[in-house]
N, C-alpha and C. Protein backbone atom coordinates (compact mmCIF):
# COMPACT_ATOMS: atom_id res chain seq x y z
N MET A 1 102.07 12.85 120.27
CA MET A 1 102.57 13.66 119.17
C MET A 1 103.36 14.84 119.72
N SER A 2 104.55 15.07 119.23
CA SER A 2 105.40 16.16 119.68
C SER A 2 105.13 17.41 118.86
N THR A 3 105.09 18.55 119.51
CA THR A 3 104.91 19.81 118.82
C THR A 3 106.21 20.59 118.73
N GLU A 4 107.31 19.95 119.07
CA GLU A 4 108.60 20.61 119.02
C GLU A 4 109.11 20.67 117.59
N ASN A 5 109.65 21.82 117.23
CA ASN A 5 110.21 22.02 115.90
C ASN A 5 111.63 22.51 116.03
N TYR A 6 112.51 21.98 115.18
CA TYR A 6 113.91 22.33 115.20
C TYR A 6 114.37 22.70 113.80
N LEU A 7 115.36 23.59 113.74
CA LEU A 7 116.01 23.96 112.49
C LEU A 7 117.51 23.96 112.72
N ASN A 8 118.25 23.73 111.68
CA ASN A 8 119.69 23.79 111.77
C ASN A 8 120.16 25.10 111.13
N HIS A 9 120.70 25.99 111.96
CA HIS A 9 121.22 27.27 111.48
C HIS A 9 122.63 27.02 110.92
N PRO A 10 122.98 27.66 109.82
CA PRO A 10 124.29 27.41 109.20
C PRO A 10 125.48 27.74 110.11
N ASN A 11 125.33 28.71 111.03
CA ASN A 11 126.45 29.09 111.89
C ASN A 11 126.26 28.73 113.36
N PHE A 12 125.03 28.74 113.83
CA PHE A 12 124.78 28.59 115.26
C PHE A 12 124.24 27.23 115.65
N GLY A 13 124.11 26.33 114.71
CA GLY A 13 123.69 24.97 115.02
C GLY A 13 122.19 24.83 115.20
N LEU A 14 121.81 23.93 116.08
CA LEU A 14 120.41 23.58 116.24
C LEU A 14 119.63 24.67 116.96
N LEU A 15 118.50 25.05 116.38
CA LEU A 15 117.58 26.04 116.96
C LEU A 15 116.26 25.34 117.25
N PHE A 16 115.56 25.78 118.30
CA PHE A 16 114.23 25.25 118.57
C PHE A 16 113.20 26.36 118.45
N ARG A 17 112.00 25.99 118.03
CA ARG A 17 110.94 26.98 117.87
C ARG A 17 110.36 27.33 119.23
N VAL A 18 110.34 28.62 119.51
CA VAL A 18 109.75 29.11 120.75
C VAL A 18 108.27 29.36 120.54
N CYS A 19 107.92 30.09 119.47
CA CYS A 19 106.51 30.37 119.20
C CYS A 19 106.37 30.97 117.80
N ILE A 20 105.13 31.10 117.38
CA ILE A 20 104.80 31.80 116.14
C ILE A 20 104.96 33.28 116.42
N ALA A 21 105.54 34.01 115.48
CA ALA A 21 105.81 35.43 115.70
C ALA A 21 104.99 36.33 114.78
N GLY A 22 104.19 35.77 113.94
CA GLY A 22 103.41 36.54 113.00
C GLY A 22 103.15 35.70 111.77
N GLU A 23 102.52 36.28 110.80
CA GLU A 23 102.21 35.54 109.59
C GLU A 23 103.49 35.19 108.84
N GLY A 24 103.73 33.90 108.69
CA GLY A 24 104.92 33.42 107.99
C GLY A 24 106.21 33.59 108.76
N GLN A 25 106.10 33.86 110.07
CA GLN A 25 107.28 34.09 110.89
C GLN A 25 107.20 33.27 112.17
N GLU A 26 108.35 32.80 112.62
CA GLU A 26 108.42 32.06 113.87
C GLU A 26 109.65 32.52 114.64
N LEU A 27 109.55 32.48 115.96
CA LEU A 27 110.67 32.83 116.82
C LEU A 27 111.40 31.56 117.20
N PHE A 28 112.70 31.54 116.93
CA PHE A 28 113.55 30.41 117.28
C PHE A 28 114.66 30.89 118.20
N ALA A 29 115.19 29.98 119.00
CA ALA A 29 116.32 30.28 119.88
C ALA A 29 117.34 29.16 119.77
N THR A 30 118.59 29.48 120.12
CA THR A 30 119.60 28.43 120.12
C THR A 30 119.22 27.39 121.16
N LEU A 31 119.44 26.16 120.85
CA LEU A 31 118.96 25.05 121.68
C LEU A 31 119.61 25.01 123.05
N TYR A 32 120.91 25.16 123.11
CA TYR A 32 121.59 24.94 124.38
C TYR A 32 121.71 26.19 125.24
N ALA A 33 122.02 27.32 124.66
CA ALA A 33 122.24 28.52 125.45
C ALA A 33 120.96 29.33 125.69
N HIS A 34 120.00 29.25 124.80
CA HIS A 34 118.76 30.03 124.87
C HIS A 34 119.07 31.53 124.96
N ARG A 35 120.16 31.94 124.33
CA ARG A 35 120.56 33.34 124.41
C ARG A 35 120.51 34.06 123.08
N LEU A 36 120.53 33.32 122.00
CA LEU A 36 120.46 33.93 120.69
C LEU A 36 119.09 33.62 120.09
N PHE A 37 118.45 34.66 119.58
CA PHE A 37 117.10 34.51 119.05
C PHE A 37 117.07 34.95 117.59
N PHE A 38 116.19 34.29 116.84
CA PHE A 38 116.06 34.57 115.42
C PHE A 38 114.59 34.57 115.03
N ILE A 39 114.22 35.51 114.16
CA ILE A 39 112.94 35.44 113.47
C ILE A 39 113.23 34.67 112.19
N VAL A 40 112.52 33.59 111.99
CA VAL A 40 112.71 32.76 110.81
C VAL A 40 111.50 32.95 109.91
N ARG A 41 111.78 33.32 108.68
CA ARG A 41 110.72 33.50 107.68
C ARG A 41 110.86 32.42 106.63
N ASN A 42 109.73 31.90 106.23
CA ASN A 42 109.71 30.87 105.20
C ASN A 42 108.85 31.39 104.05
N ASP A 43 109.48 31.74 102.96
CA ASP A 43 108.74 32.23 101.80
C ASP A 43 109.25 31.53 100.54
N ARG A 44 108.87 32.04 99.40
CA ARG A 44 109.24 31.40 98.13
C ARG A 44 110.74 31.29 97.93
N SER A 45 111.48 32.23 98.48
CA SER A 45 112.94 32.20 98.30
C SER A 45 113.63 31.28 99.30
N GLY A 46 112.86 30.70 100.23
CA GLY A 46 113.42 29.78 101.22
C GLY A 46 113.39 30.36 102.61
N LEU A 47 114.20 29.78 103.48
CA LEU A 47 114.27 30.24 104.87
C LEU A 47 115.21 31.42 104.99
N SER A 48 114.81 32.39 105.81
CA SER A 48 115.72 33.48 106.13
C SER A 48 115.75 33.63 107.65
N PHE A 49 116.94 33.90 108.18
CA PHE A 49 117.16 34.04 109.62
C PHE A 49 117.50 35.49 109.93
N GLU A 50 116.71 36.12 110.78
CA GLU A 50 117.00 37.49 111.20
C GLU A 50 117.29 37.47 112.70
N PRO A 51 118.52 37.76 113.10
CA PRO A 51 118.83 37.78 114.54
C PRO A 51 118.12 38.95 115.22
N ILE A 52 117.61 38.70 116.42
CA ILE A 52 116.97 39.76 117.20
C ILE A 52 117.49 39.66 118.63
N GLY A 53 117.30 40.74 119.38
CA GLY A 53 117.77 40.79 120.76
C GLY A 53 116.81 40.13 121.74
N ARG A 54 117.29 39.98 122.97
CA ARG A 54 116.48 39.36 124.03
C ARG A 54 115.23 40.17 124.33
N VAL A 55 115.35 41.50 124.35
CA VAL A 55 114.21 42.35 124.69
C VAL A 55 113.10 42.17 123.65
N GLU A 56 113.47 42.21 122.38
CA GLU A 56 112.48 42.05 121.32
C GLU A 56 111.86 40.66 121.34
N SER A 57 112.68 39.65 121.59
CA SER A 57 112.14 38.28 121.64
C SER A 57 111.21 38.11 122.83
N LYS A 58 111.55 38.73 123.94
CA LYS A 58 110.68 38.68 125.13
C LYS A 58 109.33 39.32 124.82
N GLN A 59 109.34 40.45 124.12
CA GLN A 59 108.10 41.13 123.74
C GLN A 59 107.25 40.26 122.81
N ILE A 60 107.88 39.58 121.88
CA ILE A 60 107.16 38.70 120.96
C ILE A 60 106.47 37.58 121.73
N ILE A 61 107.19 36.98 122.66
CA ILE A 61 106.60 35.89 123.46
C ILE A 61 105.45 36.42 124.31
N GLU A 62 105.62 37.58 124.93
CA GLU A 62 104.56 38.16 125.76
C GLU A 62 103.31 38.45 124.93
N GLN A 63 103.49 38.96 123.71
CA GLN A 63 102.35 39.21 122.82
C GLN A 63 101.64 37.90 122.49
N ARG A 64 102.43 36.87 122.21
CA ARG A 64 101.84 35.56 121.87
C ARG A 64 101.10 34.98 123.07
N LEU A 65 101.65 35.13 124.27
CA LEU A 65 100.97 34.65 125.47
C LEU A 65 99.62 35.34 125.66
N ARG A 66 99.58 36.66 125.44
CA ARG A 66 98.30 37.40 125.57
C ARG A 66 97.28 36.89 124.56
N LEU A 67 97.73 36.68 123.32
CA LEU A 67 96.83 36.19 122.28
C LEU A 67 96.29 34.80 122.62
N ILE A 68 97.17 33.92 123.05
CA ILE A 68 96.75 32.55 123.38
C ILE A 68 95.78 32.55 124.55
N ARG A 69 96.06 33.39 125.55
CA ARG A 69 95.18 33.45 126.72
C ARG A 69 93.78 33.91 126.31
N ARG A 70 93.69 34.88 125.40
CA ARG A 70 92.39 35.36 124.93
C ARG A 70 91.62 34.32 124.14
N THR A 71 92.34 33.47 123.39
CA THR A 71 91.66 32.47 122.58
C THR A 71 91.32 31.21 123.36
N GLY A 72 91.90 31.07 124.57
CA GLY A 72 91.52 29.96 125.43
C GLY A 72 92.24 28.65 125.17
N HIS A 73 93.37 28.66 124.51
CA HIS A 73 94.14 27.43 124.27
C HIS A 73 95.05 27.19 125.47
N GLN A 74 94.51 26.60 126.51
CA GLN A 74 95.19 26.46 127.79
C GLN A 74 96.48 25.64 127.70
N THR A 75 96.47 24.54 126.99
CA THR A 75 97.66 23.69 126.89
C THR A 75 98.81 24.43 126.22
N GLU A 76 98.52 25.10 125.12
CA GLU A 76 99.55 25.87 124.42
C GLU A 76 100.06 27.01 125.30
N TYR A 77 99.14 27.65 126.03
CA TYR A 77 99.51 28.74 126.93
C TYR A 77 100.47 28.24 128.02
N GLU A 78 100.14 27.13 128.64
CA GLU A 78 100.98 26.59 129.71
C GLU A 78 102.37 26.21 129.19
N HIS A 79 102.42 25.62 128.01
CA HIS A 79 103.71 25.23 127.41
C HIS A 79 104.57 26.46 127.14
N LEU A 80 103.98 27.50 126.54
CA LEU A 80 104.73 28.71 126.22
C LEU A 80 105.11 29.46 127.50
N GLN A 81 104.25 29.46 128.49
CA GLN A 81 104.55 30.11 129.76
C GLN A 81 105.75 29.44 130.43
N LYS A 82 105.81 28.13 130.36
CA LYS A 82 106.94 27.39 130.93
C LYS A 82 108.24 27.77 130.19
N THR A 83 108.19 27.81 128.87
CA THR A 83 109.36 28.20 128.08
C THR A 83 109.78 29.62 128.41
N TYR A 84 108.83 30.52 128.56
CA TYR A 84 109.09 31.91 128.91
C TYR A 84 109.84 32.01 130.24
N LYS A 85 109.34 31.29 131.24
CA LYS A 85 109.97 31.34 132.57
C LYS A 85 111.38 30.74 132.56
N GLN A 86 111.59 29.69 131.78
CA GLN A 86 112.91 29.08 131.69
C GLN A 86 113.91 29.97 130.96
N THR A 87 113.42 30.71 129.99
CA THR A 87 114.29 31.52 129.14
C THR A 87 114.59 32.89 129.73
N PHE A 88 113.59 33.51 130.36
CA PHE A 88 113.77 34.86 130.88
C PHE A 88 113.67 34.88 132.39
């Protein structure tokens, strides 16, 4: 079973999910360049894309890594750690 999630952004094309960024929010990045990041919110009005910078996206991933490490989900931690190293 694949845990990869993709979205099609109206202007930037295919995005892949990097990690959960909070309640009802996920961090996505452009598939090929890994240079543009978006917080994607899914609520009653639909999907919304908020562009964010590399520094903020790096902080979100680091926070998620700390949380996962504390909860003991080793497989998820290793996957996100690999993505982190490839991206930053």
